[in-house]
Amino acid sequence: MNRSPARRAANEATFRAANEQIEQSAENLNLVALPVPFICECEDERCTQIVRLTLAEYEEVRRDAIRFFVSPGHQSEPDRVLAEAEAYTTIEKTGEEARLVAEQDPRA
């Protein structure tokens, strides 16, 4: 699929907002050391993949507003792959999409 940077950023921001709520719930339940089921933050609005991360892993990705985690193989051009683990891939947005996701970051 060929989505515009604005559409990709909007989809990713929606998944990120949901994951922020998941993180808050996990913290409230004191699930600090256990892998928590998060939603893949890829650009595909139909994606239903679950990615299990500890809260520390989640925070490592969230350190930067333009970084996301996706299920392996869910990265797309022009994403920059920063790290690949067994359960997830850390990507960084570039160009116009990076600017848009940074603006939509719920922590900003």
PDB file of N, CA and C in Angstrom:
ATOM      1  N   MET A   1       0.831  -1.179   0.000  1.00  0.00           N
ATOM      2  CA  MET A   1       0.000   0.000   0.000  1.00  0.00           C
ATOM      3  C   MET A   1       0.873   1.239   0.000  1.00  0.00           C
ATOM      4  N   ASN A   2       0.416   2.251  -0.681  1.00  0.00           N
ATOM      5  CA  ASN A   2       1.174   3.484  -0.772  1.00  0.00           C
ATOM      6  C   ASN A   2       0.382   4.594  -0.103  1.00  0.00           C
ATOM      7  N   ARG A   3       0.645   4.814   1.182  1.00  0.00           N
ATOM      8  CA  ARG A   3      -0.058   5.839   1.953  1.00  0.00           C
ATOM      9  C   ARG A   3       0.785   7.103   1.997  1.00  0.00           C
ATOM     10  N   SER A   4       0.118   8.230   2.170  1.00  0.00           N
ATOM     11  CA  SER A   4       0.831   9.497   2.306  1.00  0.00           C
ATOM     12  C   SER A   4       1.514   9.548   3.674  1.00  0.00           C
ATOM     13  N   PRO A   5       2.536  10.389   3.828  1.00  0.00           N
ATOM     14  CA  PRO A   5       3.164  10.538   5.147  1.00  0.00           C
ATOM     15  C   PRO A   5       2.148  10.928   6.224  1.00  0.00           C
ATOM     16  N   ALA A   6       1.188  11.761   5.892  1.00  0.00           N
ATOM     17  CA  ALA A   6       0.176  12.172   6.875  1.00  0.00           C
ATOM     18  C   ALA A   6      -0.681  10.994   7.311  1.00  0.00           C
ATOM     19  N   ARG A   7      -1.072  10.136   6.380  1.00  0.00           N
ATOM     20  CA  ARG A   7      -1.898   8.966   6.716  1.00  0.00           C
ATOM     21  C   ARG A   7      -1.101   7.978   7.555  1.00  0.00           C
ATOM     22  N   ARG A   8       0.154   7.730   7.165  1.00  0.00           N
ATOM     23  CA  ARG A   8       1.000   6.819   7.943  1.00  0.00           C
ATOM     24  C   ARG A   8       1.189   7.346   9.360  1.00  0.00           C
ATOM     25  N   ALA A   9       1.479   8.636   9.486  1.00  0.00           N
ATOM     26  CA  ALA A   9       1.696   9.236  10.805  1.00  0.00           C
ATOM     27  C   ALA A   9       0.435   9.153  11.655  1.00  0.00           C
ATOM     28  N   ALA A  10      -0.720   9.385  11.063  1.00  0.00           N
ATOM     29  CA  ALA A  10      -1.977   9.309  11.816  1.00  0.00           C
ATOM     30  C   ALA A  10      -2.229   7.893  12.317  1.00  0.00           C
ATOM     31  N   ASN A  11      -1.988   6.902  11.478  1.00  0.00           N
ATOM     32  CA  ASN A  11      -2.175   5.503  11.890  1.00  0.00           C
ATOM     33  C   ASN A  11      -1.234   5.145  13.033  1.00  0.00           C
ATOM     34  N   GLU A  12       0.028   5.511  12.889  1.00  0.00           N
ATOM     35  CA  GLU A  12       1.020   5.188  13.917  1.00  0.00           C
ATOM     36  C   GLU A  12       0.725   5.923  15.223  1.00  0.00           C
ATOM     37  N   ALA A  13       0.263   7.163  15.119  1.00  0.00           N
ATOM     38  CA  ALA A  13      -0.084   7.931  16.325  1.00  0.00           C
ATOM     39  C   ALA A  13      -1.263   7.292  17.062  1.00  0.00           C
ATOM     40  N   THR A  14      -2.187   6.723  16.330  1.00  0.00           N
ATOM     41  CA  THR A  14      -3.334   6.047  16.951  1.00  0.00           C
ATOM     42  C   THR A  14      -2.863   4.835  17.750  1.00  0.00           C
ATOM     43  N   PHE A  15      -1.986   4.015  17.166  1.00  0.00           N
ATOM     44  CA  PHE A  15      -1.454   2.851  17.876  1.00  0.00           C
ATOM     45  C   PHE A  15      -0.629   3.294  19.083  1.00  0.00           C
ATOM     46  N   ARG A  16       0.153   4.353  18.910  1.00  0.00           N
ATOM     47  CA  ARG A  16       0.980   4.843  20.010  1.00  0.00           C
ATOM     48  C   ARG A  16       0.105   5.316  21.176  1.00  0.00           C
ATOM     49  N   ALA A  17      -0.962   6.016  20.896  1.00  0.00           N
ATOM     50  CA  ALA A  17      -1.856   6.498  21.956  1.00  0.00           C
ATOM     51  C   ALA A  17      -2.455   5.319  22.720  1.00  0.00           C
ATOM     52  N   ALA A  18      -2.840   4.280  22.006  1.00  0.00           N
ATOM     53  CA  ALA A  18      -3.377   3.084  22.669  1.00  0.00           C
ATOM     54  C   ALA A  18      -2.300   2.434  23.536  1.00  0.00           C
ATOM     55  N   ASN A  19      -1.085   2.379  23.035  1.00  0.00           N
ATOM     56  CA  ASN A  19       0.008   1.772  23.807  1.00  0.00           C
ATOM     57  C   ASN A  19       0.360   2.583  25.045  1.00  0.00           C
ATOM     58  N   GLU A  20       0.205   3.877  24.990  1.00  0.00           N
ATOM     59  CA  GLU A  20       0.430   4.707  26.174  1.00  0.00           C
ATOM     60  C   GLU A  20      -0.578   4.322  27.264  1.00  0.00           C
ATOM     61  N   GLN A  21      -1.812   4.044  26.880  1.00  0.00           N
ATOM     62  CA  GLN A  21      -2.831   3.611  27.844  1.00  0.00           C
ATOM     63  C   GLN A  21      -2.508   2.222  28.390  1.00  0.00           C
ATOM     64  N   ILE A  22      -2.023   1.341  27.522  1.00  0.00           N
ATOM     65  CA  ILE A  22      -1.631   0.002  27.957  1.00  0.00           C
ATOM     66  C   ILE A  22      -0.490   0.109  28.969  1.00  0.00           C
ATOM     67  N   GLU A  23       0.481   0.959  28.674  1.00  0.00           N
ATOM     68  CA  GLU A  23       1.599   1.129  29.607  1.00  0.00           C
ATOM     69  C   GLU A  23       1.087   1.621  30.962  1.00  0.00           C
ATOM     70  N   GLN A  24       0.204   2.596  30.962  1.00  0.00           N
ATOM     71  CA  GLN A  24      -0.325   3.130  32.218  1.00  0.00           C
ATOM     72  C   GLN A  24      -1.043   2.039  33.013  1.00  0.00           C
ATOM     73  N   SER A  25      -1.836   1.224  32.341  1.00  0.00           N
ATOM     74  CA  SER A  25      -2.531   0.119  33.016  1.00  0.00           C
ATOM     75  C   SER A  25      -1.543  -0.888  33.592  1.00  0.00           C
ATOM     76  N   ALA A  26      -0.505  -1.205  32.834  1.00  0.00           N
ATOM     77  CA  ALA A  26       0.512  -2.157  33.309  1.00  0.00           C
ATOM     78  C   ALA A  26       1.237  -1.608  34.531  1.00  0.00           C
ATOM     79  N   GLU A  27       1.525  -0.317  34.522  1.00  0.00           N
ATOM     80  CA  GLU A  27       2.168   0.297  35.690  1.00  0.00           C
ATOM     81  C   GLU A  27       1.238   0.247  36.895  1.00  0.00           C
ATOM     82  N   ASN A  28      -0.040   0.538  36.688  1.00  0.00           N
ATOM     83  CA  ASN A  28      -1.016   0.498  37.779  1.00  0.00           C
ATOM     84  C   ASN A  28      -1.141  -0.900  38.375  1.00  0.00           C
ATOM     85  N   LEU A  29      -0.946  -1.915  37.541  1.00  0.00           N
ATOM     86  CA  LEU A  29      -1.023  -3.303  37.997  1.00  0.00           C
ATOM     87  C   LEU A  29       0.331  -3.834  38.466  1.00  0.00           C
ATOM     88  N   ASN A  30       1.330  -2.964  38.448  1.00  0.00           N
ATOM     89  CA  ASN A  30       2.686  -3.314  38.886  1.00  0.00           C
ATOM     90  C   ASN A  30       3.284  -4.473  38.068  1.00  0.00           C
ATOM     91  N   LEU A  31       3.098  -4.427  36.768  1.00  0.00           N
ATOM     92  CA  LEU A  31       3.637  -5.449  35.861  1.00  0.00           C
ATOM     93  C   LEU A  31       4.980  -4.993  35.293  1.00  0.00           C
ATOM     94  N   VAL A  32       5.824  -4.498  36.143  1.00  0.00           N
ATOM     95  CA  VAL A  32       7.066  -3.866  35.716  1.00  0.00           C
ATOM     96  C   VAL A  32       8.023  -4.832  35.018  1.00  0.00           C
ATOM     97  N   ALA A  33       8.184  -6.022  35.515  1.00  0.00           N
ATOM     98  CA  ALA A  33       9.196  -6.938  34.974  1.00  0.00           C
ATOM     99  C   ALA A  33       8.650  -7.907  33.928  1.00  0.00           C
ATOM    100  N   LEU A  34       7.346  -7.990  33.797  1.00  0.00           N
ATOM    101  CA  LEU A  34       6.749  -8.957  32.875  1.00  0.00           C
ATOM    102  C   LEU A  34       6.560  -8.367  31.484  1.00  0.00           C
ATOM    103  N   PRO A  35       6.662  -9.193  30.450  1.00  0.00           N
ATOM    104  CA  PRO A  35       6.325  -8.707  29.116  1.00  0.00           C
ATOM    105  C   PRO A  35       4.834  -8.361  29.047  1.00  0.00           C
ATOM    106  N   VAL A  36       4.555  -7.204  28.504  1.00  0.00           N
ATOM    107  CA  VAL A  36       3.190  -6.692  28.399  1.00  0.00           C
ATOM    108  C   VAL A  36       2.776  -6.736  26.928  1.00  0.00           C
ATOM    109  N   PRO A  37       1.530  -7.112  26.630  1.00  0.00           N
ATOM    110  CA  PRO A  37       1.087  -7.131  25.231  1.00  0.00           C
ATOM    111  C   PRO A  37       0.736  -5.723  24.731  1.00  0.00           C
ATOM    112  N   PHE A  38       1.564  -5.219  23.827  1.00  0.00           N
ATOM    113  CA  PHE A  38       1.332  -3.932  23.184  1.00  0.00           C
ATOM    114  C   PHE A  38       0.862  -4.175  21.749  1.00  0.00           C
ATOM    115  N   ILE A  39       0.346  -3.130  21.134  1.00  0.00           N
ATOM    116  CA  ILE A  39      -0.125  -3.190  19.753  1.00  0.00           C
ATOM    117  C   ILE A  39       1.024  -2.777  18.830  1.00  0.00           C
ATOM    118  N   CYS A  40       1.240  -3.543  17.783  1.00  0.00           N
ATOM    119  CA  CYS A  40       2.247  -3.197  16.778  1.00  0.00           C
ATOM    120  C   CYS A  40       1.985  -1.761  16.307  1.00  0.00           C
ATOM    121  N   GLU A  41       3.048  -0.964  16.212  1.00  0.00           N
ATOM    122  CA  GLU A  41       2.910   0.441  15.840  1.00  0.00           C
ATOM    123  C   GLU A  41       3.240   0.693  14.367  1.00  0.00           C
ATOM    124  N   CYS A  42       2.933  -0.267  13.526  1.00  0.00           N
ATOM    125  CA  CYS A  42       3.192  -0.076  12.093  1.00  0.00           C
ATOM    126  C   CYS A  42       2.131   0.854  11.493  1.00  0.00           C
ATOM    127  N   GLU A  43       2.320   1.184  10.243  1.00  0.00           N
ATOM    128  CA  GLU A  43       1.428   2.131   9.576  1.00  0.00           C
ATOM    129  C   GLU A  43       0.112   1.527   9.099  1.00  0.00           C
ATOM    130  N   ASP A  44      -0.021   0.214   9.127  1.00  0.00           N
ATOM    131  CA  ASP A  44      -1.218  -0.453   8.607  1.00  0.00           C
ATOM    132  C   ASP A  44      -2.349  -0.408   9.637  1.00  0.00           C
ATOM    133  N   GLU A  45      -3.366   0.374   9.363  1.00  0.00           N
ATOM    134  CA  GLU A  45      -4.478   0.541  10.307  1.00  0.00           C
ATOM    135  C   GLU A  45      -5.236  -0.757  10.564  1.00  0.00           C
ATOM    136  N   ARG A  46      -5.039  -1.761   9.737  1.00  0.00           N
ATOM    137  CA  ARG A  46      -5.708  -3.054   9.931  1.00  0.00           C
ATOM    138  C   ARG A  46      -4.864  -4.057  10.707  1.00  0.00           C
ATOM    139  N   CYS A  47      -3.654  -3.670  11.068  1.00  0.00           N
ATOM    140  CA  CYS A  47      -2.751  -4.586  11.771  1.00  0.00           C
ATOM    141  C   CYS A  47      -3.312  -4.934  13.147  1.00  0.00           C
ATOM    142  N   THR A  48      -3.238  -6.216  13.479  1.00  0.00           N
ATOM    143  CA  THR A  48      -3.707  -6.692  14.786  1.00  0.00           C
ATOM    144  C   THR A  48      -2.616  -7.466  15.528  1.00  0.00           C
ATOM    145  N   GLN A  49      -1.375  -7.304  15.109  1.00  0.00           N
ATOM    146  CA  GLN A  49      -0.264  -8.023  15.738  1.00  0.00           C
ATOM    147  C   GLN A  49      -0.008  -7.483  17.147  1.00  0.00           C
ATOM    148  N   ILE A  50       0.281  -8.389  18.042  1.00  0.00           N
ATOM    149  CA  ILE A  50       0.629  -8.050  19.415  1.00  0.00           C
ATOM    150  C   ILE A  50       2.139  -8.222  19.572  1.00  0.00           C
ATOM    151  N   VAL A  51       2.757  -7.248  20.219  1.00  0.00           N
ATOM    152  CA  VAL A  51       4.192  -7.275  20.482  1.00  0.00           C
ATOM    153  C   VAL A  51       4.373  -7.225  21.992  1.00  0.00           C
ATOM    154  N   ARG A  52       5.052  -8.214  22.534  1.00  0.00           N
ATOM    155  CA  ARG A  52       5.258  -8.268  23.987  1.00  0.00           C
ATOM    156  C   ARG A  52       6.605  -7.634  24.340  1.00  0.00           C
ATOM    157  N   LEU A  53       6.519  -6.595  25.189  1.00  0.00           N
ATOM    158  CA  LEU A  53       7.696  -5.866  25.642  1.00  0.00           C
ATOM    159  C   LEU A  53       7.588  -5.639  27.144  1.00  0.00           C
ATOM    160  N   THR A  54       8.725  -5.599  27.810  1.00  0.00           N
ATOM    161  CA  THR A  54       8.699  -5.150  29.193  1.00  0.00           C
ATOM    162  C   THR A  54       8.495  -3.631  29.160  1.00  0.00           C
ATOM    163  N   LEU A  55       8.130  -3.071  30.293  1.00  0.00           N
ATOM    164  CA  LEU A  55       7.964  -1.623  30.345  1.00  0.00           C
ATOM    165  C   LEU A  55       9.284  -0.906  30.085  1.00  0.00           C
ATOM    166  N   ALA A  56      10.383  -1.495  30.506  1.00  0.00           N
ATOM    167  CA  ALA A  56      11.704  -0.906  30.239  1.00  0.00           C
ATOM    168  C   ALA A  56      11.997  -0.891  28.733  1.00  0.00           C
ATOM    169  N   GLU A  57      11.667  -1.978  28.041  1.00  0.00           N
ATOM    170  CA  GLU A  57      11.864  -2.022  26.588  1.00  0.00           C
ATOM    171  C   GLU A  57      10.983  -0.982  25.903  1.00  0.00           C
ATOM    172  N   TYR A  58       9.741  -0.887  26.352  1.00  0.00           N
ATOM    173  CA  TYR A  58       8.817   0.094  25.782  1.00  0.00           C
ATOM    174  C   TYR A  58       9.371   1.507  25.961  1.00  0.00           C
ATOM    175  N   GLU A  59       9.846   1.817  27.165  1.00  0.00           N
ATOM    176  CA  GLU A  59      10.388   3.145  27.436  1.00  0.00           C
ATOM    177  C   GLU A  59      11.648   3.419  26.624  1.00  0.00           C
ATOM    178  N   GLU A  60      12.443   2.402  26.379  1.00  0.00           N
ATOM    179  CA  GLU A  60      13.649   2.577  25.564  1.00  0.00           C
ATOM    180  C   GLU A  60      13.270   3.047  24.160  1.00  0.00           C
ATOM    181  N   VAL A  61      12.244   2.453  23.583  1.00  0.00           N
ATOM    182  CA  VAL A  61      11.789   2.873  22.255  1.00  0.00           C
ATOM    183  C   VAL A  61      11.193   4.276  22.340  1.00  0.00           C
ATOM    184  N   ARG A  62      10.393   4.537  23.364  1.00  0.00           N
ATOM    185  CA  ARG A  62       9.676   5.809  23.502  1.00  0.00           C
ATOM    186  C   ARG A  62      10.570   6.987  23.878  1.00  0.00           C
ATOM    187  N   ARG A  63      11.853   6.737  24.150  1.00  0.00           N
ATOM    188  CA  ARG A  63      12.770   7.833  24.479  1.00  0.00           C
ATOM    189  C   ARG A  63      12.753   8.923  23.426  1.00  0.00           C
ATOM    190  N   ASP A  64      12.475   8.539  22.209  1.00  0.00           N
ATOM    191  CA  ASP A  64      12.491   9.474  21.091  1.00  0.00           C
ATOM    192  C   ASP A  64      11.131   9.422  20.386  1.00  0.00           C
ATOM    193  N   ALA A  65      10.540  10.567  20.157  1.00  0.00           N
ATOM    194  CA  ALA A  65       9.188  10.645  19.577  1.00  0.00           C
ATOM    195  C   ALA A  65       9.084  10.062  18.175  1.00  0.00           C
ATOM    196  N   ILE A  66      10.203   9.928  17.480  1.00  0.00           N
ATOM    197  CA  ILE A  66      10.128   9.418  16.110  1.00  0.00           C
ATOM    198  C   ILE A  66      10.494   7.933  16.014  1.00  0.00           C
ATOM    199  N   ARG A  67      10.644   7.290  17.165  1.00  0.00           N
ATOM    200  CA  ARG A  67      10.934   5.852  17.181  1.00  0.00           C
ATOM    201  C   ARG A  67       9.691   5.062  17.543  1.00  0.00           C
ATOM    202  N   PHE A  68       9.548   3.928  16.882  1.00  0.00           N
ATOM    203  CA  PHE A  68       8.411   3.041  17.085  1.00  0.00           C
ATOM    204  C   PHE A  68       8.897   1.606  17.120  1.00  0.00           C
ATOM    205  N   PHE A  69       8.067   0.712  17.654  1.00  0.00           N
ATOM    206  CA  PHE A  69       8.362  -0.716  17.559  1.00  0.00           C
ATOM    207  C   PHE A  69       7.283  -1.338  16.688  1.00  0.00           C
ATOM    208  N   VAL A  70       7.685  -2.306  15.910  1.00  0.00           N
ATOM    209  CA  VAL A  70       6.760  -3.016  15.030  1.00  0.00           C
ATOM    210  C   VAL A  70       7.068  -4.504  15.090  1.00  0.00           C
ATOM    211  N   SER A  71       6.095  -5.305  14.705  1.00  0.00           N
ATOM    212  CA  SER A  71       6.341  -6.737  14.569  1.00  0.00           C
ATOM    213  C   SER A  71       7.407  -6.938  13.498  1.00  0.00           C
ATOM    214  N   PRO A  72       8.220  -7.969  13.631  1.00  0.00           N
ATOM    215  CA  PRO A  72       9.234  -8.216  12.603  1.00  0.00           C
ATOM    216  C   PRO A  72       8.604  -8.255  11.207  1.00  0.00           C
ATOM    217  N   GLY A  73       9.224  -7.524  10.286  1.00  0.00           N
ATOM    218  CA  GLY A  73       8.737  -7.477   8.920  1.00  0.00           C
ATOM    219  C   GLY A  73       7.685  -6.406   8.666  1.00  0.00           C
ATOM    220  N   HIS A  74       7.257  -5.673   9.681  1.00  0.00           N
ATOM    221  CA  HIS A  74       6.219  -4.657   9.498  1.00  0.00           C
ATOM    222  C   HIS A  74       6.784  -3.266   9.209  1.00  0.00           C
ATOM    223  N   GLN A  75       8.097  -3.139   9.134  1.00  0.00           N
ATOM    224  CA  GLN A  75       8.660  -1.849   8.766  1.00  0.00           C
ATOM    225  C   GLN A  75       8.397  -1.596   7.291  1.00  0.00           C
ATOM    226  N   SER A  76       8.400  -0.325   6.919  1.00  0.00           N
ATOM    227  CA  SER A  76       8.175   0.007   5.513  1.00  0.00           C
ATOM    228  C   SER A  76       9.062   1.181   5.125  1.00  0.00           C
ATOM    229  N   GLU A  77       9.209   1.376   3.839  1.00  0.00           N
ATOM    230  CA  GLU A  77      10.003   2.507   3.349  1.00  0.00           C
ATOM    231  C   GLU A  77       9.264   3.780   3.686  1.00  0.00           C
ATOM    232  N   PRO A  78       9.901   4.812   4.097  1.00  0.00           N
ATOM    233  CA  PRO A  78      11.340   4.976   4.248  1.00  0.00           C
ATOM    234  C   PRO A  78      11.820   4.831   5.690  1.00  0.00           C
ATOM    235  N   ASP A  79      11.160   3.952   6.485  1.00  0.00           N
ATOM    236  CA  ASP A  79      11.575   3.743   7.876  1.00  0.00           C
ATOM    237  C   ASP A  79      13.035   3.322   7.949  1.00  0.00           C
ATOM    238  N   ARG A  80      13.707   3.783   8.981  1.00  0.00           N
ATOM    239  CA  ARG A  80      15.088   3.380   9.236  1.00  0.00           C
ATOM    240  C   ARG A  80      15.066   2.338  10.353  1.00  0.00           C
ATOM    241  N   VAL A  81      15.561   1.150  10.084  1.00  0.00           N
ATOM    242  CA  VAL A  81      15.636   0.096  11.100  1.00  0.00           C
ATOM    243  C   VAL A  81      16.808   0.390  12.017  1.00  0.00           C
ATOM    244  N   LEU A  82      16.515   0.496  13.318  1.00  0.00           N
ATOM    245  CA  LEU A  82      17.554   0.780  14.305  1.00  0.00           C
ATOM    246  C   LEU A  82      18.028  -0.475  15.014  1.00  0.00           C
ATOM    247  N   ALA A  83      17.102  -1.398  15.272  1.00  0.00           N
ATOM    248  CA  ALA A  83      17.455  -2.634  15.985  1.00  0.00           C
ATOM    249  C   ALA A  83      16.409  -3.688  15.682  1.00  0.00           C
ATOM    250  N   GLU A  84      16.871  -4.932  15.640  1.00  0.00           N
ATOM    251  CA  GLU A  84      15.971  -6.055  15.428  1.00  0.00           C
ATOM    252  C   GLU A  84      16.159  -7.048  16.564  1.00  0.00           C
ATOM    253  N   ALA A  85      15.076  -7.335  17.253  1.00  0.00           N
ATOM    254  CA  ALA A  85      15.057  -8.347  18.298  1.00  0.00           C
ATOM    255  C   ALA A  85      14.151  -9.471  17.807  1.00  0.00           C
ATOM    256  N   GLU A  86      14.096 -10.545  18.561  1.00  0.00           N
ATOM    257  CA  GLU A  86      13.245 -11.663  18.151  1.00  0.00           C
ATOM    258  C   GLU A  86      11.776 -11.258  18.086  1.00  0.00           C
ATOM    259  N   ALA A  87      11.329 -10.484  19.070  1.00  0.00           N
ATOM    260  CA  ALA A  87       9.904 -10.162  19.186  1.00  0.00           C
ATOM    261  C   ALA A  87       9.485  -8.885  18.465  1.00  0.00           C
ATOM    262  N   TYR A  88      10.437  -7.988  18.189  1.00  0.00           N
ATOM    263  CA  TYR A  88      10.056  -6.712  17.580  1.00  0.00           C
ATOM    264  C   TYR A  88      11.245  -6.051  16.896  1.00  0.00           C
ATOM    265  N   THR A  89      10.927  -5.090  16.050  1.00  0.00           N
ATOM    266  CA  THR A  89      11.922  -4.285  15.355  1.00  0.00           C
ATOM    267  C   THR A  89      11.717  -2.833  15.773  1.00  0.00           C
ATOM    268  N   THR A  90      12.800  -2.153  16.107  1.00  0.00           N
ATOM    269  CA  THR A  90      12.725  -0.734  16.434  1.00  0.00           C
ATOM    270  C   THR A  90      13.040   0.051  15.174  1.00  0.00           C
ATOM    271  N   ILE A  91      12.135   0.965  14.832  1.00  0.00           N
ATOM    272  CA  ILE A  91      12.308   1.772  13.631  1.00  0.00           C
ATOM    273  C   ILE A  91      12.294   3.252  13.990  1.00  0.00           C
ATOM    274  N   GLU A  92      12.830   4.035  13.081  1.00  0.00           N
ATOM    275  CA  GLU A  92      12.821   5.480  13.237  1.00  0.00           C
ATOM    276  C   GLU A  92      12.192   6.075  11.982  1.00  0.00           C
ATOM    277  N   LYS A  93      11.286   6.993  12.185  1.00  0.00           N
ATOM    278  CA  LYS A  93      10.632   7.666  11.066  1.00  0.00           C
ATOM    279  C   LYS A  93      11.576   8.710  10.491  1.00  0.00           C
ATOM    280  N   THR A  94      11.405   9.033   9.219  1.00  0.00           N
ATOM    281  CA  THR A  94      12.254  10.004   8.548  1.00  0.00           C
ATOM    282  C   THR A  94      11.383  11.023   7.815  1.00  0.00           C
ATOM    283  N   GLY A  95      11.981  12.128   7.431  1.00  0.00           N
ATOM    284  CA  GLY A  95      11.320  13.123   6.599  1.00  0.00           C
ATOM    285  C   GLY A  95      10.052  13.710   7.194  1.00  0.00           C
ATOM    286  N   GLU A  96       9.092  13.969   6.334  1.00  0.00           N
ATOM    287  CA  GLU A  96       7.820  14.571   6.716  1.00  0.00           C
ATOM    288  C   GLU A  96       7.086  13.725   7.747  1.00  0.00           C
ATOM    289  N   GLU A  97       7.130  12.420   7.595  1.00  0.00           N
ATOM    290  CA  GLU A  97       6.462  11.529   8.549  1.00  0.00           C
ATOM    291  C   GLU A  97       7.049  11.686   9.949  1.00  0.00           C
ATOM    292  N   ALA A  98       8.357  11.844  10.062  1.00  0.00           N
ATOM    293  CA  ALA A  98       8.998  12.049  11.364  1.00  0.00           C
ATOM    294  C   ALA A  98       8.488  13.326  12.007  1.00  0.00           C
ATOM    295  N   ARG A  99       8.392  14.389  11.241  1.00  0.00           N
ATOM    296  CA  ARG A  99       7.895  15.657  11.772  1.00  0.00           C
ATOM    297  C   ARG A  99       6.461  15.513  12.268  1.00  0.00           C
ATOM    298  N   LEU A 100       5.634  14.835  11.494  1.00  0.00           N
ATOM    299  CA  LEU A 100       4.220  14.674  11.852  1.00  0.00           C
ATOM    300  C   LEU A 100       4.024  13.816  13.093  1.00  0.00           C
ATOM    301  N   VAL A 101       4.761  12.706  13.209  1.00  0.00           N
ATOM    302  CA  VAL A 101       4.580  11.861  14.400  1.00  0.00           C
ATOM    303  C   VAL A 101       5.102  12.561  15.648  1.00  0.00           C
ATOM    304  N   ALA A 102       6.152  13.361  15.506  1.00  0.00           N
ATOM    305  CA  ALA A 102       6.670  14.112  16.654  1.00  0.00           C
ATOM    306  C   ALA A 102       5.629  15.119  17.133  1.00  0.00           C
ATOM    307  N   GLU A 103       4.932  15.758  16.196  1.00  0.00           N
ATOM    308  CA  GLU A 103       3.883  16.701  16.560  1.00  0.00           C
ATOM    309  C   GLU A 103       2.713  16.032  17.255  1.00  0.00           C
ATOM    310  N   GLN A 104       2.456  14.770  16.925  1.00  0.00           N
ATOM    311  CA  GLN A 104       1.314  14.031  17.479  1.00  0.00           C
ATOM    312  C   GLN A 104       1.669  13.207  18.704  1.00  0.00           C
ATOM    313  N   ASP A 105       2.907  13.303  19.161  1.00  0.00           N
ATOM    314  CA  ASP A 105       3.339  12.522  20.306  1.00  0.00           C
ATOM    315  C   ASP A 105       2.555  12.937  21.564  1.00  0.00           C
ATOM    316  N   PRO A 106       1.861  11.998  22.214  1.00  0.00           N
ATOM    317  CA  PRO A 106       1.074  12.360  23.397  1.00  0.00           C
ATOM    318  C   PRO A 106       1.923  12.839  24.574  1.00  0.00           C
ATOM    319  N   ARG A 107       3.218  12.608  24.542  1.00  0.00           N
ATOM    320  CA  ARG A 107       4.106  13.063  25.620  1.00  0.00           C
ATOM    321  C   ARG A 107       4.667  14.454  25.372  1.00  0.00           C
ATOM    322  N   ALA A 108       4.406  14.995  24.201  1.00  0.00           N
ATOM    323  CA  ALA A 108       4.968  16.316  23.850  1.00  0.00           C
ATOM    324  C   ALA A 108       4.220  17.437  24.536  1.00  0.00           C
TER     325      ALA A 108
END
